[in-house]
Amino acid sequence: MELPVRLSEIPAESAHQYPLTSQQRDPNQTERNFRHVVPTAWRIKGELRIGALMGALDDVVERHEALRTLIHYDESDGSLGYQEIRPPAPVPFTVHEIPTEPGPSRDEIAVDLYVKLHEEGLEYSVIPSLRAALYRFDDGDAVLTLLTHHLFSDNWSIGVLRREIAACYNARVDGVPAALPAPAQYREYAAWEHEYLHSDKAAAARRFWLDNLAGARIFAFPADRPNDPATLTARTAVREFLISAADSAKITAGATRNRCTAWHLILTAGMVLAEQITGSSDITLLTVNNGRVVRDFHNTIGFFANLVPLRVEAGGCASFKELMLLVRKASVDAHQNMLPFGELLELAPELMKPLEDPRAVPMAFNYVRPAVALAEIQLAGGVTPVIPPEEVPTMYHRGTCSWGLAGLRSGELRFVIEYEPSAIDPGTIDRWGSDFVDLLMAIAGRPDQAWRNWR
């Protein structure tokens, strides 16, 4: 892996320039795609002061350098380049008055605004990397939509963004400074990552992954038809499985009783399903990690998310519980030896070999947990996130399959499979998804059962 230049190697006259992080490198020119965005929407009740809201948006851009950063890529190699921090600039902000009579309900309009937000794009080369629009039903009811580019934020960052906008808004209304600590900046993460990748700890992590991934092949679902880019539909398809609040609680309790987390139980179900499909007990699943391995950056807006392969050789396990404990160990070991996914591919070049088969569909597990509690995000008379009754397709990386789980305020667990309908039939997705949900409940309720014959 070719590492970025050291900060000490940057000329003094270019001190406003900083190395790219591993997440920002883009050799294939895909990460900078204008569709690679992170949308969010809030429903705001109560009297809202437009001037204070506009000021709060600008305050957050001033506080977080990532939102006012330009990336300059090398013309011949997108893995090279640098970040340039620019002075604060006003956030583009529009206000729209929404007539609601006659027509759809306000709740339906709010969901429609959120869905349409997913159709918008944002160029990575414009600053600030934040767009905001307010849609007002009346003086006491509105929807705020926000859009950032993924090169400068991620899902965790959106929680931080929401909290800081609320805190800065309330401070402006009260005429006092915002009670927020100075955040660590994303360029500091770039420096930390560079130092870490040159450290003895990173050298040990490389040795771990060389051994762990020796002979490993990433798990990919078998498609019903060749995964041909020429036949892709305009959008991906989504299949949702809603797990009740009672069953969600059983999953958490079942994991806790066995000294695991719900994430470990979810991964165990994925491992069993993969073994069912492939017939191999040596499974390597691709997972999405928030990438914030250092707590100093928990309140930083920026692109930290990382892909992490988890390998489990389950041949020696007899029960669900034994397999779940093995999954827990694999997860902990991976977290303690975190490296950028691009470097893992250099250490294990055969890892993604299954994807050379046009009928193999790569997939990734993502368990989304809120970085900031809703209680920390209050302004005006109250704020709630806009959540559509059905998940919205979001993948711009085509030809893949995403398995995402997220907890809802109701206590329910939303399990969503996003896939390519040109390659996989809905019936196939229904079968995989139903088996996965059944596995979750079986592992939670019958941990001592033999996992190979779980039905």
Protein backbone atom coordinates (compact mmCIF):
# COMPACT_ATOMS: atom_id res chain seq x y z
CA MET A 1 0.00 0.00 0.00
CA GLU A 2 1.47 3.32 -1.03
CA LEU A 3 1.15 5.67 1.90
CA PRO A 4 0.42 9.40 1.71
CA VAL A 5 3.14 11.91 2.37
CA ARG A 6 3.93 12.81 5.96
CA LEU A 7 2.63 16.11 7.26
CA SER A 8 6.22 17.12 7.92
CA GLU A 9 6.94 16.64 4.22
CA ILE A 10 4.35 19.19 3.14
CA PRO A 11 6.05 22.53 2.32
CA ALA A 12 5.41 25.33 4.76
CA GLU A 13 3.68 27.42 2.08
CA SER A 14 1.22 24.53 1.59
CA ALA A 15 0.41 24.04 5.27
CA HIS A 16 -3.33 24.20 4.45
CA GLN A 17 -2.92 20.98 2.44
CA TYR A 18 -3.21 17.58 4.10
CA PRO A 19 -2.88 13.98 2.93
CA LEU A 20 -5.89 11.96 1.85
CA THR A 21 -7.23 9.33 4.19
CA SER A 22 -7.59 5.75 3.02
CA GLN A 23 -11.34 6.32 2.61
CA GLN A 24 -10.81 9.32 0.33
CA ARG A 25 -8.48 7.59 -2.08
CA ASP A 26 -10.31 6.87 -5.29
CA PRO A 27 -8.21 5.03 -7.90
CA ASN A 28 -11.30 3.90 -9.81
CA GLN A 29 -13.06 7.28 -9.65
CA THR A 30 -16.13 5.83 -7.95
CA GLU A 31 -16.04 7.43 -4.49
CA ARG A 32 -16.22 10.92 -5.99
CA ASN A 33 -19.44 10.12 -7.90
CA PHE A 34 -22.03 12.88 -7.47
CA ARG A 35 -24.56 10.22 -6.43
CA HIS A 36 -22.36 9.15 -3.50
CA VAL A 37 -24.30 11.24 -0.98
CA VAL A 38 -25.73 10.94 2.53
CA PRO A 39 -29.31 12.30 2.80
CA THR A 40 -31.34 12.92 5.94
CA ALA A 41 -34.61 14.64 6.82
CA TRP A 42 -36.24 15.86 10.04
CA ARG A 43 -39.80 16.77 10.93
CA ILE A 44 -39.69 19.91 13.10
CA LYS A 45 -42.69 20.97 15.16
CA GLY A 46 -43.13 24.33 16.86
CA GLU A 47 -42.03 27.86 16.07
CA LEU A 48 -38.81 27.81 14.04
CA ARG A 49 -36.59 30.87 13.62
CA ILE A 50 -35.25 30.77 10.09
CA GLY A 51 -32.37 33.16 10.78
CA ALA A 52 -31.19 31.08 13.74
CA LEU A 53 -31.37 27.91 11.66
CA MET A 54 -29.34 29.44 8.84
CA GLY A 55 -26.79 30.65 11.35
CA ALA A 56 -26.62 27.21 12.98
CA LEU A 57 -25.88 25.56 9.62
CA ASP A 58 -23.04 28.02 9.05
CA ASP A 59 -21.77 27.45 12.60
CA VAL A 60 -21.44 23.72 11.98
CA VAL A 61 -19.54 24.30 8.73
CA GLU A 62 -17.18 26.60 10.62
CA ARG A 63 -16.70 23.99 13.36
CA HIS A 64 -16.07 21.02 11.04
CA GLU A 65 -13.35 21.43 8.43
CA ALA A 66 -14.45 18.33 6.52
CA LEU A 67 -17.53 20.19 5.30
CA ARG A 68 -15.33 22.88 3.71
CA THR A 69 -12.65 20.68 2.24
CA LEU A 70 -11.62 20.35 -1.40
CA ILE A 71 -9.95 17.16 -2.58
CA HIS A 72 -7.37 17.46 -5.34
CA TYR A 73 -6.78 14.10 -7.03
CA ASP A 74 -3.71 13.24 -9.05
CA GLU A 75 -4.79 13.13 -12.71
CA SER A 76 -3.04 9.83 -13.33
CA ASP A 77 -3.70 8.08 -10.00
CA GLY A 78 -6.79 8.77 -7.91
CA SER A 79 -5.19 7.12 -4.90
CA LEU A 80 -2.87 10.13 -4.69
CA GLY A 81 -3.71 13.71 -3.94
CA TYR A 82 -4.38 15.98 -0.99
CA GLN A 83 -7.07 17.73 1.01
CA GLU A 84 -7.33 21.50 1.04
CA ILE A 85 -9.17 23.19 3.90
CA ARG A 86 -11.05 26.28 2.75
CA PRO A 87 -12.47 29.17 4.82
CA PRO A 88 -16.07 28.90 6.02
CA ALA A 89 -18.77 29.71 3.47
CA PRO A 90 -22.56 30.07 3.85
CA VAL A 91 -24.59 26.89 3.44
CA PRO A 92 -26.91 26.97 0.39
CA PHE A 93 -30.35 27.07 2.00
CA THR A 94 -33.82 27.33 0.47
CA VAL A 95 -37.27 27.70 2.01
CA HIS A 96 -40.39 26.29 0.36
CA GLU A 97 -44.01 26.82 1.40
CA ILE A 98 -45.94 23.55 0.99
CA PRO A 99 -49.69 23.63 0.36
CA THR A 100 -51.35 20.59 1.91
CA GLU A 101 -55.03 21.01 1.09
CA PRO A 102 -56.33 19.15 -0.78
CA GLY A 103 -53.89 16.34 -1.39
CA PRO A 104 -51.66 13.91 0.50
CA SER A 105 -51.30 14.15 4.26
CA ARG A 106 -48.39 16.01 5.79
CA ASP A 107 -46.81 12.74 6.87
CA GLU A 108 -47.01 11.45 3.29
CA ILE A 109 -45.49 14.67 1.95
CA ALA A 110 -42.64 14.46 4.48
CA VAL A 111 -41.83 10.91 3.37
CA ASP A 112 -42.05 11.93 -0.29
CA LEU A 113 -39.57 14.78 0.31
CA TYR A 114 -37.16 12.33 1.92
CA VAL A 115 -37.53 9.82 -0.91
CA LYS A 116 -36.94 12.52 -3.56
CA LEU A 117 -33.84 13.65 -1.68
CA HIS A 118 -32.26 10.32 -2.65
CA GLU A 119 -32.57 11.34 -6.30
CA GLU A 120 -30.43 14.42 -5.79
CA GLY A 121 -26.70 14.55 -6.31
CA LEU A 122 -23.91 16.71 -4.97
CA GLU A 123 -20.57 17.26 -6.64
CA TYR A 124 -17.63 16.49 -4.36
CA SER A 125 -15.81 19.56 -5.67
CA VAL A 126 -18.23 22.18 -4.30
CA ILE A 127 -18.02 23.66 -0.83
CA PRO A 128 -19.42 23.66 1.68
CA SER A 129 -20.38 20.00 1.29
CA LEU A 130 -23.77 20.60 2.84
CA ARG A 131 -27.10 21.54 1.25
CA ALA A 132 -30.21 22.34 3.25
CA ALA A 133 -33.85 22.99 2.40
CA LEU A 134 -36.81 23.77 4.64
CA TYR A 135 -40.32 22.79 3.55
CA ARG A 136 -42.94 24.58 5.66
CA PHE A 137 -46.52 23.41 6.06
CA ASP A 138 -47.19 26.32 8.41
CA ASP A 139 -45.39 28.32 11.10
CA GLY A 140 -45.35 25.33 13.46
CA ASP A 141 -44.68 22.36 11.19
CA ALA A 142 -41.84 21.85 8.69
CA VAL A 143 -39.45 19.33 7.15
CA LEU A 144 -35.70 20.04 7.03
CA THR A 145 -33.68 18.08 4.47
CA LEU A 146 -29.88 17.87 4.51
CA LEU A 147 -27.49 16.47 1.93
CA THR A 148 -23.73 15.91 2.23
CA HIS A 149 -21.21 14.15 0.00
CA HIS A 150 -19.98 10.81 1.33
CA LEU A 151 -16.32 11.81 0.86
CA PHE A 152 -16.85 14.26 3.73
CA SER A 153 -19.38 12.44 5.92
CA ASP A 154 -20.98 9.08 6.68
CA ASN A 155 -23.99 7.75 8.57
CA TRP A 156 -22.29 8.27 11.95
CA SER A 157 -21.45 11.84 10.93
CA ILE A 158 -25.13 12.56 10.27
CA GLY A 159 -25.90 11.95 13.94
CA VAL A 160 -23.15 14.40 14.91
CA LEU A 161 -24.45 16.89 12.33
CA ARG A 162 -27.99 16.72 13.69
CA ARG A 163 -26.85 17.22 17.30
CA GLU A 164 -24.62 20.17 16.44
CA ILE A 165 -27.22 21.95 14.31
CA ALA A 166 -29.69 21.65 17.20
CA ALA A 167 -27.15 22.87 19.77
CA CYS A 168 -26.04 25.82 17.62
CA TYR A 169 -29.65 26.74 16.83
CA ASN A 170 -30.65 26.73 20.49
CA ALA A 171 -27.57 28.77 21.40
CA ARG A 172 -28.46 31.41 18.79
CA VAL A 173 -32.05 31.57 20.01
CA ASP A 174 -30.86 31.96 23.63
CA GLY A 175 -28.10 34.39 22.70
CA VAL A 176 -25.36 32.30 24.32
CA PRO A 177 -22.35 30.34 22.98
CA ALA A 178 -23.10 26.77 21.97
CA ALA A 179 -22.18 24.30 24.73
CA LEU A 180 -20.15 22.06 22.43
CA PRO A 181 -16.50 21.05 22.84
CA ALA A 182 -14.09 21.83 20.03
CA PRO A 183 -14.19 18.78 17.73
CA ALA A 184 -11.15 16.86 16.54
CA GLN A 185 -10.80 17.66 12.84
CA TYR A 186 -10.80 15.17 9.99
CA ARG A 187 -7.31 16.27 8.94
CA GLU A 188 -6.18 15.17 12.39
CA TYR A 189 -7.59 11.76 11.59
CA ALA A 190 -5.55 11.78 8.36
CA ALA A 191 -2.42 12.46 10.42
CA TRP A 192 -3.36 9.82 13.00
CA GLU A 193 -4.01 7.21 10.32
CA HIS A 194 -0.71 7.92 8.59
CA GLU A 195 1.19 7.62 11.87
CA TYR A 196 -0.70 4.45 12.77
CA LEU A 197 0.03 2.77 9.42
CA HIS A 198 3.75 3.30 10.05
CA SER A 199 3.57 1.96 13.63
CA ASP A 200 4.56 -1.36 15.16
CA LYS A 201 0.89 -1.97 15.96
CA ALA A 202 -0.03 -1.73 12.27
CA ALA A 203 2.84 -4.07 11.41
CA ALA A 204 1.39 -6.58 13.87
CA ALA A 205 -2.06 -6.06 12.32
CA ARG A 206 -0.64 -6.86 8.89
CA ARG A 207 0.79 -10.10 10.23
CA PHE A 208 -2.59 -10.94 11.75
CA TRP A 209 -4.43 -10.41 8.46
CA LEU A 210 -1.83 -12.24 6.39
CA ASP A 211 -2.44 -15.28 8.57
CA ASN A 212 -6.18 -14.77 9.01
CA LEU A 213 -6.96 -14.33 5.31
CA ALA A 214 -4.56 -16.93 3.93
CA GLY A 215 -6.60 -18.94 1.45
CA ALA A 216 -9.80 -17.02 2.28
CA ARG A 217 -12.42 -16.17 -0.33
CA ILE A 218 -15.15 -13.63 0.27
CA PHE A 219 -18.68 -15.01 0.44
CA ALA A 220 -20.86 -14.03 -2.51
CA PHE A 221 -24.45 -15.00 -3.23
CA PRO A 222 -25.14 -17.07 -6.35
CA ALA A 223 -27.21 -14.95 -8.73
CA ASP A 224 -30.08 -16.31 -10.82
CA ARG A 225 -28.59 -14.70 -13.93
CA PRO A 226 -25.17 -13.32 -14.87
CA ASN A 227 -24.51 -9.98 -13.22
CA ASP A 228 -24.08 -7.98 -16.42
CA PRO A 229 -23.54 -4.19 -16.13
CA ALA A 230 -25.16 -3.81 -19.56
CA THR A 231 -28.50 -5.15 -18.27
CA LEU A 232 -28.73 -3.24 -15.01
CA THR A 233 -32.11 -1.73 -14.21
CA ALA A 234 -32.38 1.99 -13.54
CA ARG A 235 -32.59 1.39 -9.80
CA THR A 236 -31.80 -1.39 -7.39
CA ALA A 237 -34.68 -3.22 -5.70
CA VAL A 238 -35.44 -3.41 -1.98
CA ARG A 239 -37.02 -6.19 0.07
CA GLU A 240 -37.82 -5.41 3.69
CA PHE A 241 -38.38 -7.77 6.59
CA LEU A 242 -39.78 -6.15 9.74
CA ILE A 243 -38.88 -7.90 12.99
CA SER A 244 -41.32 -7.07 15.79
CA ALA A 245 -40.25 -5.24 18.93
CA ALA A 246 -40.85 -8.41 20.97
CA ASP A 247 -38.69 -10.53 18.65
CA SER A 248 -36.04 -7.80 18.49
CA ALA A 249 -35.88 -7.87 22.29
CA LYS A 250 -35.50 -11.66 22.17
CA ILE A 251 -32.54 -11.30 19.79
CA THR A 252 -30.81 -8.84 22.12
CA ALA A 253 -31.56 -10.92 25.20
CA GLY A 254 -30.43 -14.14 23.53
CA ALA A 255 -27.12 -12.57 22.58
CA THR A 256 -26.61 -11.04 26.05
CA ARG A 257 -27.23 -14.36 27.82
CA ASN A 258 -24.30 -15.77 25.87
CA ARG A 259 -21.97 -12.80 26.53
CA CYS A 260 -22.41 -11.50 23.00
CA THR A 261 -24.05 -8.53 21.31
CA ALA A 262 -26.90 -8.49 18.81
CA TRP A 263 -24.27 -7.83 16.12
CA HIS A 264 -22.54 -11.13 16.95
CA LEU A 265 -25.83 -12.98 16.75
CA ILE A 266 -26.64 -11.31 13.41
CA LEU A 267 -23.26 -12.34 12.00
CA THR A 268 -23.75 -15.89 13.27
CA ALA A 269 -27.01 -16.11 11.34
CA GLY A 270 -25.16 -14.84 8.27
CA MET A 271 -22.46 -17.47 8.69
CA VAL A 272 -24.99 -20.30 8.95
CA LEU A 273 -26.90 -19.07 5.90
CA ALA A 274 -23.66 -18.80 3.91
CA GLU A 275 -22.73 -22.36 4.88
CA GLN A 276 -26.16 -23.54 3.74
CA ILE A 277 -25.65 -21.93 0.35
CA THR A 278 -22.01 -22.86 -0.26
CA GLY A 279 -21.66 -26.11 1.69
CA SER A 280 -18.40 -24.83 3.16
CA SER A 281 -17.84 -24.22 6.87
CA ASP A 282 -14.98 -21.78 6.09
CA ILE A 283 -16.88 -18.53 5.64
CA THR A 284 -15.61 -14.98 5.19
CA LEU A 285 -18.32 -12.32 5.39
CA LEU A 286 -17.84 -8.70 4.37
CA THR A 287 -19.09 -6.23 6.98
CA VAL A 288 -19.38 -2.46 7.27
CA ASN A 289 -17.62 -0.87 10.25
CA ASN A 290 -17.99 2.74 11.38
CA GLY A 291 -14.19 3.04 11.22
CA ARG A 292 -13.90 5.16 14.37
CA VAL A 293 -11.46 2.97 16.22
CA VAL A 294 -10.22 5.94 18.28
CA ARG A 295 -12.74 7.66 20.55
CA ASP A 296 -11.13 11.03 19.88
CA PHE A 297 -12.97 11.07 16.53
CA HIS A 298 -16.43 10.04 17.75
CA ASN A 299 -17.60 13.66 17.46
CA THR A 300 -15.90 14.38 14.14
CA ILE A 301 -17.75 14.80 10.86
CA GLY A 302 -15.94 12.97 8.07
CA PHE A 303 -15.69 9.77 6.03
CA PHE A 304 -14.54 7.00 8.40
CA ALA A 305 -16.61 3.96 7.34
CA ASN A 306 -14.53 0.91 6.44
CA LEU A 307 -15.14 -2.58 5.04
CA VAL A 308 -13.98 -5.42 7.28
CA PRO A 309 -13.88 -9.13 6.33
CA LEU A 310 -14.72 -11.56 9.13
CA ARG A 311 -13.54 -15.13 8.70
CA VAL A 312 -14.85 -18.06 10.71
CA GLU A 313 -13.91 -21.70 10.25
CA ALA A 314 -16.90 -23.32 11.92
CA GLY A 315 -16.07 -26.97 11.32
CA GLY A 316 -15.26 -27.55 15.00
CA CYS A 317 -18.44 -25.95 16.34
CA ALA A 318 -21.40 -28.09 17.29
CA SER A 319 -24.01 -25.58 18.53
CA PHE A 320 -25.24 -22.10 17.71
CA LYS A 321 -23.67 -20.88 20.94
CA GLU A 322 -20.22 -22.26 20.10
CA LEU A 323 -20.43 -20.67 16.67
CA MET A 324 -21.59 -17.34 18.11
CA LEU A 325 -18.66 -17.26 20.54
CA LEU A 326 -16.31 -17.97 17.65
CA VAL A 327 -17.92 -15.13 15.68
CA ARG A 328 -17.50 -12.83 18.68
CA LYS A 329 -13.78 -13.64 18.82
CA ALA A 330 -13.41 -13.04 15.06
CA SER A 331 -15.18 -9.69 15.41
CA VAL A 332 -13.06 -8.56 18.38
CA ASP A 333 -9.82 -9.66 16.69
CA ALA A 334 -10.73 -7.78 13.51
CA HIS A 335 -11.55 -4.62 15.46
CA GLN A 336 -8.26 -4.79 17.37
CA ASN A 337 -6.32 -5.19 14.12
CA MET A 338 -8.18 -2.68 11.99
CA LEU A 339 -6.60 -1.74 8.66
CA PRO A 340 -8.02 0.04 5.60
CA PHE A 341 -9.82 -2.40 3.34
CA GLY A 342 -7.63 -1.39 0.40
CA GLU A 343 -4.57 -2.55 2.30
CA LEU A 344 -6.23 -5.85 3.15
CA LEU A 345 -6.78 -6.45 -0.56
CA GLU A 346 -3.07 -5.97 -1.14
CA LEU A 347 -2.27 -8.43 1.65
CA ALA A 348 -4.82 -10.97 0.38
CA PRO A 349 -5.18 -10.41 -3.40
CA GLU A 350 -7.23 -13.61 -3.84
CA LEU A 351 -9.86 -12.55 -1.30
CA MET A 352 -12.25 -11.12 -3.91
CA LYS A 353 -11.58 -13.79 -6.55
CA PRO A 354 -15.14 -15.22 -6.37
CA LEU A 355 -16.39 -11.98 -7.91
CA GLU A 356 -14.76 -12.90 -11.21
CA ASP A 357 -17.76 -15.20 -11.68
CA PRO A 358 -20.57 -13.13 -13.31
CA ARG A 359 -23.11 -15.11 -11.28
CA ALA A 360 -21.48 -14.18 -7.96
CA VAL A 361 -23.00 -11.20 -6.16
CA PRO A 362 -20.87 -9.59 -3.44
CA MET A 363 -22.73 -8.67 -0.28
CA ALA A 364 -22.00 -6.74 2.89
CA PHE A 365 -23.64 -6.78 6.33
CA ASN A 366 -24.34 -3.44 7.97
CA TYR A 367 -25.90 -3.04 11.42
CA VAL A 368 -26.84 0.63 11.81
CA ARG A 369 -26.93 1.98 15.34
CA PRO A 370 -27.52 5.69 16.04
CA ALA A 371 -24.38 7.60 16.98
CA VAL A 372 -26.43 10.25 18.79
CA ALA A 373 -29.60 9.74 20.83
CA LEU A 374 -32.70 11.58 19.66
CA ALA A 375 -32.90 13.31 23.05
CA GLU A 376 -29.72 15.18 22.10
CA ILE A 377 -31.32 16.51 18.91
CA GLN A 378 -34.09 18.89 19.98
CA LEU A 379 -34.98 22.34 18.75
CA ALA A 380 -38.14 24.41 18.41
CA GLY A 381 -41.04 22.29 19.72
CA GLY A 382 -39.51 18.92 18.89
CA VAL A 383 -37.68 16.95 16.21
CA THR A 384 -38.25 13.47 14.80
CA PRO A 385 -36.45 11.79 11.90
CA VAL A 386 -38.46 11.20 8.75
CA ILE A 387 -38.60 7.41 8.29
CA PRO A 388 -40.37 6.02 5.22
CA PRO A 389 -42.73 3.07 5.64
CA GLU A 390 -40.49 1.18 3.20
CA GLU A 391 -36.74 1.54 2.78
CA VAL A 392 -35.49 3.66 -0.12
CA PRO A 393 -32.92 2.23 -2.59
CA THR A 394 -29.60 3.95 -1.92
CA MET A 395 -26.84 1.94 -3.62
CA TYR A 396 -24.91 3.76 -6.28
CA HIS A 397 -22.20 1.04 -6.35
CA ARG A 398 -24.05 -1.28 -8.73
CA GLY A 399 -23.81 -5.04 -8.98
CA THR A 400 -23.75 -5.68 -5.24
CA CYS A 401 -26.13 -6.83 -2.50
CA SER A 402 -26.52 -5.01 0.81
CA TRP A 403 -27.93 -6.57 3.98
CA GLY A 404 -28.75 -3.81 6.44
CA LEU A 405 -30.34 -3.93 9.88
CA ALA A 406 -31.46 -0.90 11.83
CA GLY A 407 -33.39 -0.42 15.05
CA LEU A 408 -36.53 1.72 14.89
CA ARG A 409 -37.91 3.99 17.63
CA SER A 410 -40.78 1.53 18.02
CA GLY A 411 -38.31 -1.14 19.15
CA GLU A 412 -38.75 -3.03 15.88
CA LEU A 413 -35.78 -4.13 13.82
CA ARG A 414 -35.85 -3.29 10.13
CA PHE A 415 -33.93 -5.79 7.99
CA VAL A 416 -33.46 -4.64 4.40
CA ILE A 417 -31.91 -6.42 1.43
CA GLU A 418 -31.01 -4.15 -1.48
CA TYR A 419 -30.15 -6.05 -4.63
CA GLU A 420 -29.94 -6.08 -8.43
CA PRO A 421 -33.29 -7.26 -9.87
CA SER A 422 -31.64 -7.90 -13.23
CA ALA A 423 -29.50 -10.63 -11.61
CA ILE A 424 -31.56 -11.98 -8.69
CA ASP A 425 -35.23 -12.94 -8.61
CA PRO A 426 -37.52 -11.56 -5.86
CA GLY A 427 -38.35 -15.14 -4.86
CA THR A 428 -34.68 -15.86 -4.23
CA ILE A 429 -34.38 -12.78 -2.02
CA ASP A 430 -37.53 -13.77 -0.14
CA ARG A 431 -36.10 -17.23 0.54
CA TRP A 432 -32.73 -15.94 1.74
CA GLY A 433 -34.28 -13.21 3.86
CA SER A 434 -36.87 -15.48 5.45
CA ASP A 435 -34.22 -18.08 6.28
CA PHE A 436 -32.05 -15.36 7.82
CA VAL A 437 -34.85 -14.06 10.05
CA ASP A 438 -35.71 -17.63 11.11
CA LEU A 439 -32.05 -18.15 11.96
CA LEU A 440 -31.96 -15.02 14.11
CA MET A 441 -34.85 -16.32 16.19
CA ALA A 442 -33.48 -19.87 16.36
CA ILE A 443 -30.07 -18.71 17.60
CA ALA A 444 -31.66 -16.37 20.16
CA GLY A 445 -34.08 -18.99 21.46
CA ARG A 446 -32.18 -22.26 21.03
CA PRO A 447 -28.46 -21.51 21.44
CA ASP A 448 -27.57 -25.10 22.33
CA GLN A 449 -29.09 -26.53 19.17
CA ALA A 450 -26.84 -28.05 16.48
CA TRP A 451 -26.33 -25.31 13.91
CA ARG A 452 -25.94 -27.56 10.86
CA ASN A 453 -29.44 -29.05 11.24
CA TRP A 454 -31.08 -26.04 12.77
CA ARG A 455 -34.53 -26.62 11.24
